[in-house]
Amino acid sequence: MDTTINHQANMTDQNPKPSATIPRKKSSIWAKVKKDYWLYILLLPGLAYFLIFKYLPMWGVVIAFQDFSPFLGVLESKWVGFKHFVNFFNNPDFVRLLRNTLILGFYDLVFFFPAPIIAALLLNEVRVGIFKRAVQTMIYVPHFISMVIVASMTYVFLTTNGGVVNEILYELFGTRINFLSDPAWFRPLIILQIMWKETGWGTIIFLAALASVDVEQYEAAIVDGANRFQRLWHITLPAISSTIIILLILRLGNFLDTGFEQIFLMTNSLNRSVADVFDTYVYQVGIRQGAFSYSTAVGLFKSVVGIILIYGSNYFAKKFGHEGII
């Protein structure tokens, strides 16, 4: 027995355990790239897109501080500091543009942002699979329709010259409403178009979040006597609250982005007083009038406001115990 113990001790001395202080050899970054090179190849198109169309154009914001001339280029154009910003803020159109943009952004936040959440909650309560898939398909399809088609459909339905809606109104009440030219109807039409086109597509993220809710929580709530509304309020909504907060923060970052194409298509000479926003103004002064530096200053102002809103909303979200994006 003593011989066996001595033999084991000698074997331990001959094969000592590696010291814990000896650092392990770390694999290099290149080795990791080489191992998963197909994943990095798949990453290249997306990376190239953001570099070419998102990051490289950021160099162009410097012309907001210049009297830019295409003939002189960025390097030789005269620097004027904040001249274009001062002119923009002192412009009589600034207050009108800001008011129209803020009102549309507020309408979008109040009416459109909750719409996908409500639609997702309603679809989540549907138990008939065929009906649920049919409804999902019907509300997804408008997302793939061009805004030009949406504007054309709006014109066909609402025009006073043979429009379906106005013909029905005339038959019922003997009157027609000029939806397309009346400034009072411009903002409701814009929001209704967005809701019809994008609500279904927006439900995808919320339905994915709802799919991760533990079914046992619903079963326990049913045993405790909770009705459907109570289960919705105490289980479903808290489960997707983090998703709602993150999307709300991102939406606030685009608060001043009302969408150029839709506004441009729905604007005419009679509703221009409420239709002009920053996006259409940049087109008017930047593209049509050639004021590149001035229009760039307007765009940079929007970007700065968006950054402030993102950081501000993220701060308050964390202040109230929610997860932010930063």
C-alpha atoms as a PDB file:
ATOM      1  CA  MET A   1       0.000   0.000   0.000  1.00  0.00           C
ATOM      2  CA  ASP A   2       2.889   2.362   0.854  1.00  0.00           C
ATOM      3  CA  THR A   3       4.449   1.462  -2.479  1.00  0.00           C
ATOM      4  CA  THR A   4       1.249   2.456  -4.314  1.00  0.00           C
ATOM      5  CA  ILE A   5       1.039   5.802  -2.496  1.00  0.00           C
ATOM      6  CA  ASN A   6       4.696   6.573  -3.265  1.00  0.00           C
ATOM      7  CA  HIS A   7       4.133   5.636  -6.945  1.00  0.00           C
ATOM      8  CA  GLN A   8       1.143   8.011  -7.186  1.00  0.00           C
ATOM      9  CA  ALA A   9       3.144  10.794  -5.525  1.00  0.00           C
ATOM     10  CA  ASN A  10       5.992  10.285  -8.013  1.00  0.00           C
ATOM     11  CA  MET A  11       3.524  10.423 -10.928  1.00  0.00           C
ATOM     12  CA  THR A  12       2.094  13.677  -9.532  1.00  0.00           C
ATOM     13  CA  ASP A  13       5.587  15.159  -9.313  1.00  0.00           C
ATOM     14  CA  GLN A  14       6.392  14.081 -12.860  1.00  0.00           C
ATOM     15  CA  ASN A  15       3.115  15.530 -14.300  1.00  0.00           C
ATOM     16  CA  PRO A  16       2.438  18.721 -12.353  1.00  0.00           C
ATOM     17  CA  LYS A  17      -0.825  20.547 -12.988  1.00  0.00           C
ATOM     18  CA  PRO A  18      -0.553  23.627 -15.166  1.00  0.00           C
ATOM     19  CA  SER A  19      -0.272  26.783 -13.140  1.00  0.00           C
ATOM     20  CA  ALA A  20      -3.403  28.939 -12.990  1.00  0.00           C
ATOM     21  CA  THR A  21      -1.250  31.992 -13.587  1.00  0.00           C
ATOM     22  CA  ILE A  22      -0.145  30.821 -17.041  1.00  0.00           C
ATOM     23  CA  PRO A  23      -2.325  32.790 -19.550  1.00  0.00           C
ATOM     24  CA  ARG A  24      -4.133  30.804 -22.205  1.00  0.00           C
ATOM     25  CA  LYS A  25      -3.311  31.508 -25.783  1.00  0.00           C
ATOM     26  CA  LYS A  26      -5.984  33.839 -27.144  1.00  0.00           C
ATOM     27  CA  SER A  27      -7.243  33.335 -30.629  1.00  0.00           C
ATOM     28  CA  SER A  28      -6.576  36.286 -32.868  1.00  0.00           C
ATOM     29  CA  ILE A  29      -9.325  38.318 -34.510  1.00  0.00           C
ATOM     30  CA  TRP A  30      -8.217  37.023 -37.885  1.00  0.00           C
ATOM     31  CA  ALA A  31      -8.685  33.436 -36.684  1.00  0.00           C
ATOM     32  CA  LYS A  32     -12.260  34.228 -35.665  1.00  0.00           C
ATOM     33  CA  VAL A  33     -12.923  35.875 -39.011  1.00  0.00           C
ATOM     34  CA  LYS A  34     -11.403  32.911 -40.818  1.00  0.00           C
ATOM     35  CA  LYS A  35     -13.540  30.500 -38.835  1.00  0.00           C
ATOM     36  CA  ASP A  36     -16.853  32.267 -39.632  1.00  0.00           C
ATOM     37  CA  TYR A  37     -15.854  33.885 -42.906  1.00  0.00           C
ATOM     38  CA  TRP A  38     -19.209  33.124 -44.577  1.00  0.00           C
ATOM     39  CA  LEU A  39     -21.021  35.163 -41.939  1.00  0.00           C
ATOM     40  CA  TYR A  40     -18.726  38.115 -42.582  1.00  0.00           C
ATOM     41  CA  ILE A  41     -19.250  37.767 -46.327  1.00  0.00           C
ATOM     42  CA  LEU A  42     -23.002  37.966 -45.724  1.00  0.00           C
ATOM     43  CA  LEU A  43     -22.355  41.084 -43.641  1.00  0.00           C
ATOM     44  CA  LEU A  44     -20.539  42.913 -46.445  1.00  0.00           C
ATOM     45  CA  PRO A  45     -23.580  44.101 -48.509  1.00  0.00           C
ATOM     46  CA  GLY A  46     -25.268  45.631 -45.482  1.00  0.00           C
ATOM     47  CA  LEU A  47     -22.021  47.170 -44.294  1.00  0.00           C
ATOM     48  CA  ALA A  48     -21.349  48.617 -47.754  1.00  0.00           C
ATOM     49  CA  TYR A  49     -24.883  50.064 -47.859  1.00  0.00           C
ATOM     50  CA  PHE A  50     -24.467  51.927 -44.587  1.00  0.00           C
ATOM     51  CA  LEU A  51     -20.969  53.141 -45.466  1.00  0.00           C
ATOM     52  CA  ILE A  52     -21.919  54.434 -48.910  1.00  0.00           C
ATOM     53  CA  PHE A  53     -25.409  55.808 -48.285  1.00  0.00           C
ATOM     54  CA  LYS A  54     -25.370  56.677 -44.562  1.00  0.00           C
ATOM     55  CA  TYR A  55     -21.868  57.503 -43.325  1.00  0.00           C
ATOM     56  CA  LEU A  56     -20.052  58.945 -46.340  1.00  0.00           C
ATOM     57  CA  PRO A  57     -22.835  61.479 -47.090  1.00  0.00           C
ATOM     58  CA  MET A  58     -22.422  62.837 -43.545  1.00  0.00           C
ATOM     59  CA  TRP A  59     -19.343  64.637 -44.844  1.00  0.00           C
ATOM     60  CA  GLY A  60     -21.747  66.847 -46.789  1.00  0.00           C
ATOM     61  CA  VAL A  61     -23.123  68.544 -43.650  1.00  0.00           C
ATOM     62  CA  VAL A  62     -20.123  70.886 -43.674  1.00  0.00           C
ATOM     63  CA  ILE A  63     -21.745  72.880 -46.496  1.00  0.00           C
ATOM     64  CA  ALA A  64     -24.350  74.036 -43.958  1.00  0.00           C
ATOM     65  CA  PHE A  65     -21.586  76.345 -42.671  1.00  0.00           C
ATOM     66  CA  GLN A  66     -20.508  77.499 -46.130  1.00  0.00           C
ATOM     67  CA  ASP A  67     -21.783  79.452 -49.096  1.00  0.00           C
ATOM     68  CA  PHE A  68     -21.390  76.301 -51.121  1.00  0.00           C
ATOM     69  CA  SER A  69     -20.767  76.535 -54.839  1.00  0.00           C
ATOM     70  CA  PRO A  70     -20.694  73.365 -56.969  1.00  0.00           C
ATOM     71  CA  PHE A  71     -17.999  74.973 -59.107  1.00  0.00           C
ATOM     72  CA  LEU A  72     -15.682  75.621 -56.161  1.00  0.00           C
ATOM     73  CA  GLY A  73     -16.420  72.423 -54.238  1.00  0.00           C
ATOM     74  CA  VAL A  74     -16.466  71.830 -50.506  1.00  0.00           C
ATOM     75  CA  LEU A  75     -12.817  72.661 -49.893  1.00  0.00           C
ATOM     76  CA  GLU A  76     -12.794  76.050 -51.616  1.00  0.00           C
ATOM     77  CA  SER A  77     -16.280  77.356 -50.799  1.00  0.00           C
ATOM     78  CA  LYS A  78     -16.447  80.297 -48.406  1.00  0.00           C
ATOM     79  CA  TRP A  79     -17.090  79.554 -44.739  1.00  0.00           C
ATOM     80  CA  VAL A  80     -19.916  81.628 -43.231  1.00  0.00           C
ATOM     81  CA  GLY A  81     -20.457  79.934 -39.873  1.00  0.00           C
ATOM     82  CA  PHE A  82     -24.062  79.925 -38.620  1.00  0.00           C
ATOM     83  CA  LYS A  83     -25.341  82.392 -41.221  1.00  0.00           C
ATOM     84  CA  HIS A  84     -27.814  79.936 -42.795  1.00  0.00           C
ATOM     85  CA  PHE A  85     -29.144  78.828 -39.416  1.00  0.00           C
ATOM     86  CA  VAL A  86     -29.775  82.441 -38.406  1.00  0.00           C
ATOM     87  CA  ASN A  87     -31.531  83.119 -41.704  1.00  0.00           C
ATOM     88  CA  PHE A  88     -33.661  80.012 -41.273  1.00  0.00           C
ATOM     89  CA  PHE A  89     -34.754  80.855 -37.728  1.00  0.00           C
ATOM     90  CA  ASN A  90     -35.549  84.445 -38.753  1.00  0.00           C
ATOM     91  CA  ASN A  91     -37.456  83.333 -41.830  1.00  0.00           C
ATOM     92  CA  PRO A  92     -41.196  84.137 -41.591  1.00  0.00           C
ATOM     93  CA  ASP A  93     -41.916  80.593 -42.818  1.00  0.00           C
ATOM     94  CA  PHE A  94     -40.059  78.983 -39.899  1.00  0.00           C
ATOM     95  CA  VAL A  95     -42.937  79.201 -37.401  1.00  0.00           C
ATOM     96  CA  ARG A  96     -45.446  77.859 -39.948  1.00  0.00           C
ATOM     97  CA  LEU A  97     -43.159  74.992 -40.975  1.00  0.00           C
ATOM     98  CA  LEU A  98     -42.408  74.108 -37.353  1.00  0.00           C
ATOM     99  CA  ARG A  99     -46.103  74.196 -36.415  1.00  0.00           C
ATOM    100  CA  ASN A 100     -47.175  72.005 -39.341  1.00  0.00           C
ATOM    101  CA  THR A 101     -44.366  69.516 -38.711  1.00  0.00           C
ATOM    102  CA  LEU A 102     -45.028  69.287 -34.975  1.00  0.00           C
ATOM    103  CA  ILE A 103     -48.774  68.813 -35.459  1.00  0.00           C
ATOM    104  CA  LEU A 104     -48.270  66.013 -37.972  1.00  0.00           C
ATOM    105  CA  GLY A 105     -45.640  64.415 -35.731  1.00  0.00           C
ATOM    106  CA  PHE A 106     -48.009  64.645 -32.750  1.00  0.00           C
ATOM    107  CA  TYR A 107     -50.872  63.107 -34.724  1.00  0.00           C
ATOM    108  CA  ASP A 108     -48.578  60.320 -35.862  1.00  0.00           C
ATOM    109  CA  LEU A 109     -47.477  59.633 -32.293  1.00  0.00           C
ATOM    110  CA  VAL A 110     -50.995  59.703 -30.825  1.00  0.00           C
ATOM    111  CA  PHE A 111     -52.966  57.896 -33.530  1.00  0.00           C
ATOM    112  CA  PHE A 112     -50.565  55.780 -35.584  1.00  0.00           C
ATOM    113  CA  PHE A 113     -48.022  54.591 -33.008  1.00  0.00           C
ATOM    114  CA  PRO A 114     -50.629  52.765 -30.834  1.00  0.00           C
ATOM    115  CA  ALA A 115     -52.386  51.281 -33.883  1.00  0.00           C
ATOM    116  CA  PRO A 116     -49.936  48.364 -34.463  1.00  0.00           C
ATOM    117  CA  ILE A 117     -49.954  47.600 -30.733  1.00  0.00           C
ATOM    118  CA  ILE A 118     -53.750  47.443 -30.621  1.00  0.00           C
ATOM    119  CA  ALA A 119     -53.879  45.364 -33.827  1.00  0.00           C
ATOM    120  CA  ALA A 120     -51.283  42.931 -32.452  1.00  0.00           C
ATOM    121  CA  LEU A 121     -53.179  42.553 -29.174  1.00  0.00           C
ATOM    122  CA  LEU A 122     -56.420  41.863 -31.040  1.00  0.00           C
ATOM    123  CA  LEU A 123     -54.761  39.321 -33.354  1.00  0.00           C
ATOM    124  CA  ASN A 124     -53.156  37.640 -30.367  1.00  0.00           C
ATOM    125  CA  GLU A 125     -56.627  36.983 -28.925  1.00  0.00           C
ATOM    126  CA  VAL A 126     -57.863  35.262 -32.100  1.00  0.00           C
ATOM    127  CA  ARG A 127     -57.900  31.491 -31.664  1.00  0.00           C
ATOM    128  CA  VAL A 128     -59.130  30.450 -35.129  1.00  0.00           C
ATOM    129  CA  GLY A 129     -55.886  29.964 -37.052  1.00  0.00           C
ATOM    130  CA  ILE A 130     -57.277  30.336 -40.584  1.00  0.00           C
ATOM    131  CA  PHE A 131     -59.112  33.558 -39.745  1.00  0.00           C
ATOM    132  CA  LYS A 132     -56.055  34.957 -37.949  1.00  0.00           C
ATOM    133  CA  ARG A 133     -53.725  34.282 -40.899  1.00  0.00           C
ATOM    134  CA  ALA A 134     -56.248  35.735 -43.350  1.00  0.00           C
ATOM    135  CA  VAL A 135     -56.551  38.957 -41.356  1.00  0.00           C
ATOM    136  CA  GLN A 136     -52.766  39.216 -41.004  1.00  0.00           C
ATOM    137  CA  THR A 137     -52.309  38.855 -44.738  1.00  0.00           C
ATOM    138  CA  MET A 138     -54.933  41.486 -45.527  1.00  0.00           C
ATOM    139  CA  ILE A 139     -53.419  44.083 -43.215  1.00  0.00           C
ATOM    140  CA  TYR A 140     -49.830  43.302 -44.327  1.00  0.00           C
ATOM    141  CA  VAL A 141     -50.484  43.817 -48.053  1.00  0.00           C
ATOM    142  CA  PRO A 142     -50.910  47.636 -48.031  1.00  0.00           C
ATOM    143  CA  HIS A 143     -47.297  48.019 -46.854  1.00  0.00           C
ATOM    144  CA  PHE A 144     -46.101  46.843 -50.266  1.00  0.00           C
ATOM    145  CA  ILE A 145     -48.232  49.359 -52.169  1.00  0.00           C
ATOM    146  CA  SER A 146     -46.383  52.440 -53.383  1.00  0.00           C
ATOM    147  CA  MET A 147     -47.326  55.751 -51.822  1.00  0.00           C
ATOM    148  CA  VAL A 148     -48.002  57.019 -55.343  1.00  0.00           C
ATOM    149  CA  ILE A 149     -50.711  54.351 -55.684  1.00  0.00           C
ATOM    150  CA  VAL A 150     -52.096  55.215 -52.248  1.00  0.00           C
ATOM    151  CA  ALA A 151     -52.353  58.906 -53.206  1.00  0.00           C
ATOM    152  CA  SER A 152     -54.012  57.959 -56.511  1.00  0.00           C
ATOM    153  CA  MET A 153     -56.524  55.750 -54.712  1.00  0.00           C
ATOM    154  CA  THR A 154     -57.269  58.588 -52.294  1.00  0.00           C
ATOM    155  CA  TYR A 155     -57.934  60.900 -55.222  1.00  0.00           C
ATOM    156  CA  VAL A 156     -60.213  58.381 -56.956  1.00  0.00           C
ATOM    157  CA  PHE A 157     -62.289  57.819 -53.822  1.00  0.00           C
ATOM    158  CA  LEU A 158     -62.484  61.405 -52.543  1.00  0.00           C
ATOM    159  CA  THR A 159     -62.510  63.692 -55.577  1.00  0.00           C
ATOM    160  CA  THR A 160     -65.618  65.821 -55.985  1.00  0.00           C
ATOM    161  CA  ASN A 161     -65.716  64.931 -59.660  1.00  0.00           C
ATOM    162  CA  GLY A 162     -67.143  61.416 -59.524  1.00  0.00           C
ATOM    163  CA  GLY A 163     -65.415  60.192 -56.358  1.00  0.00           C
ATOM    164  CA  VAL A 164     -67.123  57.200 -54.737  1.00  0.00           C
ATOM    165  CA  VAL A 165     -67.300  58.758 -51.261  1.00  0.00           C
ATOM    166  CA  ASN A 166     -68.629  62.079 -52.516  1.00  0.00           C
ATOM    167  CA  GLU A 167     -71.194  60.354 -54.717  1.00  0.00           C
ATOM    168  CA  ILE A 168     -72.510  58.459 -51.680  1.00  0.00           C
ATOM    169  CA  LEU A 169     -72.576  61.671 -49.626  1.00  0.00           C
ATOM    170  CA  TYR A 170     -74.461  63.428 -52.401  1.00  0.00           C
ATOM    171  CA  GLU A 171     -77.045  60.655 -52.634  1.00  0.00           C
ATOM    172  CA  LEU A 172     -77.559  60.606 -48.867  1.00  0.00           C
ATOM    173  CA  PHE A 173     -77.233  64.265 -47.883  1.00  0.00           C
ATOM    174  CA  GLY A 174     -77.269  66.186 -51.166  1.00  0.00           C
ATOM    175  CA  THR A 175     -73.811  67.676 -50.625  1.00  0.00           C
ATOM    176  CA  ARG A 176     -70.171  67.026 -51.493  1.00  0.00           C
ATOM    177  CA  ILE A 177     -67.065  67.628 -49.358  1.00  0.00           C
ATOM    178  CA  ASN A 178     -63.831  68.821 -50.934  1.00  0.00           C
ATOM    179  CA  PHE A 179     -61.563  66.465 -48.968  1.00  0.00           C
ATOM    180  CA  LEU A 180     -58.512  66.988 -51.187  1.00  0.00           C
ATOM    181  CA  SER A 181     -58.425  70.791 -51.139  1.00  0.00           C
ATOM    182  CA  ASP A 182     -59.868  71.679 -47.748  1.00  0.00           C
ATOM    183  CA  PRO A 183     -56.957  72.392 -45.328  1.00  0.00           C
ATOM    184  CA  ALA A 184     -59.029  71.005 -42.442  1.00  0.00           C
ATOM    185  CA  TRP A 185     -59.021  67.541 -44.035  1.00  0.00           C
ATOM    186  CA  PHE A 186     -55.330  67.395 -44.982  1.00  0.00           C
ATOM    187  CA  ARG A 187     -53.899  66.117 -41.698  1.00  0.00           C
ATOM    188  CA  PRO A 188     -56.612  63.497 -41.051  1.00  0.00           C
ATOM    189  CA  LEU A 189     -56.085  62.147 -44.578  1.00  0.00           C
ATOM    190  CA  ILE A 190     -52.319  61.901 -44.050  1.00  0.00           C
ATOM    191  CA  ILE A 191     -52.719  59.986 -40.780  1.00  0.00           C
ATOM    192  CA  LEU A 192     -55.421  57.700 -42.204  1.00  0.00           C
ATOM    193  CA  GLN A 193     -53.191  56.860 -45.167  1.00  0.00           C
ATOM    194  CA  ILE A 194     -50.281  55.979 -42.874  1.00  0.00           C
ATOM    195  CA  MET A 195     -52.486  53.895 -40.592  1.00  0.00           C
ATOM    196  CA  TRP A 196     -54.002  51.955 -43.490  1.00  0.00           C
ATOM    197  CA  LYS A 197     -50.640  51.353 -45.137  1.00  0.00           C
ATOM    198  CA  GLU A 198     -48.325  50.611 -42.208  1.00  0.00           C
ATOM    199  CA  THR A 199     -50.385  49.337 -39.263  1.00  0.00           C
ATOM    200  CA  GLY A 200     -50.286  45.716 -40.381  1.00  0.00           C
ATOM    201  CA  TRP A 201     -46.561  45.783 -41.025  1.00  0.00           C
ATOM    202  CA  GLY A 202     -45.932  47.318 -37.618  1.00  0.00           C
ATOM    203  CA  THR A 203     -47.677  44.428 -35.870  1.00  0.00           C
ATOM    204  CA  ILE A 204     -44.878  42.000 -36.825  1.00  0.00           C
ATOM    205  CA  ILE A 205     -42.537  43.135 -34.038  1.00  0.00           C
ATOM    206  CA  PHE A 206     -45.281  43.146 -31.402  1.00  0.00           C
ATOM    207  CA  LEU A 207     -46.610  39.729 -32.429  1.00  0.00           C
ATOM    208  CA  ALA A 208     -43.068  38.370 -32.115  1.00  0.00           C
ATOM    209  CA  ALA A 209     -42.836  39.864 -28.615  1.00  0.00           C
ATOM    210  CA  LEU A 210     -46.215  38.399 -27.686  1.00  0.00           C
ATOM    211  CA  ALA A 211     -45.093  34.952 -28.828  1.00  0.00           C
ATOM    212  CA  SER A 212     -42.460  34.943 -26.072  1.00  0.00           C
ATOM    213  CA  VAL A 213     -44.984  35.454 -23.247  1.00  0.00           C
ATOM    214  CA  ASP A 214     -45.071  32.432 -20.926  1.00  0.00           C
ATOM    215  CA  VAL A 215     -48.387  30.580 -21.395  1.00  0.00           C
ATOM    216  CA  GLU A 216     -48.248  29.344 -17.800  1.00  0.00           C
ATOM    217  CA  GLN A 217     -48.819  32.914 -16.601  1.00  0.00           C
ATOM    218  CA  TYR A 218     -52.146  32.998 -18.450  1.00  0.00           C
ATOM    219  CA  GLU A 219     -53.091  29.601 -17.057  1.00  0.00           C
ATOM    220  CA  ALA A 220     -52.287  30.714 -13.515  1.00  0.00           C
ATOM    221  CA  ALA A 221     -54.286  33.922 -14.019  1.00  0.00           C
ATOM    222  CA  ILE A 222     -57.291  31.948 -15.287  1.00  0.00           C
ATOM    223  CA  VAL A 223     -57.116  29.717 -12.215  1.00  0.00           C
ATOM    224  CA  ASP A 224     -57.073  32.853 -10.037  1.00  0.00           C
ATOM    225  CA  GLY A 225     -60.227  34.075 -11.769  1.00  0.00           C
ATOM    226  CA  ALA A 226     -58.738  36.838 -13.958  1.00  0.00           C
ATOM    227  CA  ASN A 227     -60.884  37.804 -16.928  1.00  0.00           C
ATOM    228  CA  ARG A 228     -59.541  38.487 -20.433  1.00  0.00           C
ATOM    229  CA  PHE A 229     -59.050  42.212 -19.881  1.00  0.00           C
ATOM    230  CA  GLN A 230     -57.218  41.630 -16.592  1.00  0.00           C
ATOM    231  CA  ARG A 231     -54.898  39.114 -18.276  1.00  0.00           C
ATOM    232  CA  LEU A 232     -54.250  41.634 -21.028  1.00  0.00           C
ATOM    233  CA  TRP A 233     -53.510  44.451 -18.597  1.00  0.00           C
ATOM    234  CA  HIS A 234     -51.424  42.562 -16.020  1.00  0.00           C
ATOM    235  CA  ILE A 235     -49.600  39.980 -18.188  1.00  0.00           C
ATOM    236  CA  THR A 236     -49.589  40.841 -21.883  1.00  0.00           C
ATOM    237  CA  LEU A 237     -48.843  44.561 -21.756  1.00  0.00           C
ATOM    238  CA  PRO A 238     -46.060  44.293 -19.123  1.00  0.00           C
ATOM    239  CA  ALA A 239     -44.471  41.522 -21.220  1.00  0.00           C
ATOM    240  CA  ILE A 240     -44.155  43.762 -24.290  1.00  0.00           C
ATOM    241  CA  SER A 241     -43.617  47.053 -22.451  1.00  0.00           C
ATOM    242  CA  SER A 242     -39.860  47.044 -23.132  1.00  0.00           C
ATOM    243  CA  THR A 243     -40.509  46.606 -26.862  1.00  0.00           C
ATOM    244  CA  ILE A 244     -43.005  49.470 -26.808  1.00  0.00           C
ATOM    245  CA  ILE A 245     -40.574  51.773 -24.992  1.00  0.00           C
ATOM    246  CA  ILE A 246     -37.702  51.037 -27.394  1.00  0.00           C
ATOM    247  CA  LEU A 247     -39.846  51.641 -30.465  1.00  0.00           C
ATOM    248  CA  LEU A 248     -41.236  54.813 -28.908  1.00  0.00           C
ATOM    249  CA  ILE A 249     -37.713  56.142 -28.334  1.00  0.00           C
ATOM    250  CA  LEU A 250     -36.783  55.385 -31.939  1.00  0.00           C
ATOM    251  CA  ARG A 251     -40.000  57.003 -33.178  1.00  0.00           C
ATOM    252  CA  LEU A 252     -39.273  60.180 -31.205  1.00  0.00           C
ATOM    253  CA  GLY A 253     -35.921  60.351 -32.962  1.00  0.00           C
ATOM    254  CA  ASN A 254     -37.848  60.677 -36.255  1.00  0.00           C
ATOM    255  CA  PHE A 255     -40.457  63.016 -34.831  1.00  0.00           C
ATOM    256  CA  LEU A 256     -39.719  65.760 -37.386  1.00  0.00           C
ATOM    257  CA  ASP A 257     -39.574  63.314 -40.308  1.00  0.00           C
ATOM    258  CA  THR A 258     -43.075  63.506 -41.702  1.00  0.00           C
ATOM    259  CA  GLY A 259     -42.189  61.814 -44.992  1.00  0.00           C
ATOM    260  CA  PHE A 260     -41.541  63.811 -48.152  1.00  0.00           C
ATOM    261  CA  GLU A 261     -43.229  61.624 -50.766  1.00  0.00           C
ATOM    262  CA  GLN A 262     -46.632  61.394 -49.118  1.00  0.00           C
ATOM    263  CA  ILE A 263     -46.822  65.104 -48.224  1.00  0.00           C
ATOM    264  CA  PHE A 264     -45.615  66.125 -51.679  1.00  0.00           C
ATOM    265  CA  LEU A 265     -48.224  63.981 -53.434  1.00  0.00           C
ATOM    266  CA  MET A 266     -51.106  65.245 -51.290  1.00  0.00           C
ATOM    267  CA  THR A 267     -50.150  68.939 -51.408  1.00  0.00           C
ATOM    268  CA  ASN A 268     -51.894  71.405 -53.690  1.00  0.00           C
ATOM    269  CA  SER A 269     -52.239  75.174 -53.897  1.00  0.00           C
ATOM    270  CA  LEU A 270     -55.327  75.220 -51.659  1.00  0.00           C
ATOM    271  CA  ASN A 271     -53.979  73.203 -48.701  1.00  0.00           C
ATOM    272  CA  ARG A 272     -50.351  74.381 -48.830  1.00  0.00           C
ATOM    273  CA  SER A 273     -50.771  76.501 -45.706  1.00  0.00           C
ATOM    274  CA  VAL A 274     -51.022  73.336 -43.583  1.00  0.00           C
ATOM    275  CA  ALA A 275     -49.101  70.976 -45.868  1.00  0.00           C
ATOM    276  CA  ASP A 276     -45.695  72.678 -45.959  1.00  0.00           C
ATOM    277  CA  VAL A 277     -43.281  70.881 -43.609  1.00  0.00           C
ATOM    278  CA  PHE A 278     -39.502  70.771 -43.270  1.00  0.00           C
ATOM    279  CA  ASP A 279     -39.143  67.879 -45.731  1.00  0.00           C
ATOM    280  CA  THR A 280     -41.020  69.620 -48.547  1.00  0.00           C
ATOM    281  CA  TYR A 281     -39.346  72.940 -47.714  1.00  0.00           C
ATOM    282  CA  VAL A 282     -35.898  71.365 -48.164  1.00  0.00           C
ATOM    283  CA  TYR A 283     -37.005  70.150 -51.587  1.00  0.00           C
ATOM    284  CA  GLN A 284     -38.340  73.574 -52.575  1.00  0.00           C
ATOM    285  CA  VAL A 285     -35.279  75.599 -51.553  1.00  0.00           C
ATOM    286  CA  GLY A 286     -32.614  72.950 -52.037  1.00  0.00           C
ATOM    287  CA  ILE A 287     -33.531  71.233 -55.291  1.00  0.00           C
ATOM    288  CA  ARG A 288     -35.752  73.712 -57.093  1.00  0.00           C
ATOM    289  CA  GLN A 289     -33.985  76.913 -55.998  1.00  0.00           C
ATOM    290  CA  GLY A 290     -30.454  75.532 -55.672  1.00  0.00           C
ATOM    291  CA  ALA A 291     -29.874  76.797 -52.109  1.00  0.00           C
ATOM    292  CA  PHE A 292     -27.792  73.777 -51.125  1.00  0.00           C
ATOM    293  CA  SER A 293     -26.177  75.237 -48.022  1.00  0.00           C
ATOM    294  CA  TYR A 294     -29.435  76.653 -46.689  1.00  0.00           C
ATOM    295  CA  SER A 295     -31.356  73.394 -47.201  1.00  0.00           C
ATOM    296  CA  THR A 296     -28.509  71.436 -45.599  1.00  0.00           C
ATOM    297  CA  ALA A 297     -28.760  73.696 -42.546  1.00  0.00           C
ATOM    298  CA  VAL A 298     -32.473  72.876 -42.321  1.00  0.00           C
ATOM    299  CA  GLY A 299     -31.730  69.140 -42.515  1.00  0.00           C
ATOM    300  CA  LEU A 300     -28.985  69.434 -39.897  1.00  0.00           C
ATOM    301  CA  PHE A 301     -31.398  71.255 -37.584  1.00  0.00           C
ATOM    302  CA  LYS A 302     -33.821  68.324 -37.889  1.00  0.00           C
ATOM    303  CA  SER A 303     -31.038  65.835 -37.133  1.00  0.00           C
ATOM    304  CA  VAL A 304     -29.909  67.713 -34.023  1.00  0.00           C
ATOM    305  CA  VAL A 305     -33.485  67.862 -32.719  1.00  0.00           C
ATOM    306  CA  GLY A 306     -33.836  64.118 -33.388  1.00  0.00           C
ATOM    307  CA  ILE A 307     -30.669  63.337 -31.403  1.00  0.00           C
ATOM    308  CA  ILE A 308     -31.866  65.479 -28.488  1.00  0.00           C
ATOM    309  CA  LEU A 309     -35.235  63.705 -28.475  1.00  0.00           C
ATOM    310  CA  ILE A 310     -33.594  60.256 -28.530  1.00  0.00           C
ATOM    311  CA  TYR A 311     -31.251  61.018 -25.635  1.00  0.00           C
ATOM    312  CA  GLY A 312     -33.990  62.805 -23.687  1.00  0.00           C
ATOM    313  CA  SER A 313     -36.559  60.027 -24.085  1.00  0.00           C
ATOM    314  CA  ASN A 314     -33.909  57.404 -23.335  1.00  0.00           C
ATOM    315  CA  TYR A 315     -32.984  59.256 -20.124  1.00  0.00           C
ATOM    316  CA  PHE A 316     -36.596  59.434 -18.931  1.00  0.00           C
ATOM    317  CA  ALA A 317     -37.202  55.797 -19.866  1.00  0.00           C
ATOM    318  CA  LYS A 318     -34.330  54.706 -17.616  1.00  0.00           C
ATOM    319  CA  LYS A 319     -35.465  57.150 -14.959  1.00  0.00           C
ATOM    320  CA  PHE A 320     -38.790  55.328 -14.734  1.00  0.00           C
ATOM    321  CA  GLY A 321     -37.150  51.889 -14.579  1.00  0.00           C
ATOM    322  CA  HIS A 322     -37.371  50.832 -18.230  1.00  0.00           C
ATOM    323  CA  GLU A 323     -34.602  49.665 -20.502  1.00  0.00           C
ATOM    324  CA  GLY A 324     -33.337  52.242 -22.959  1.00  0.00           C
ATOM    325  CA  ILE A 325     -31.426  51.888 -26.196  1.00  0.00           C
ATOM    326  CA  ILE A 326     -28.230  53.591 -25.027  1.00  0.00           C
END
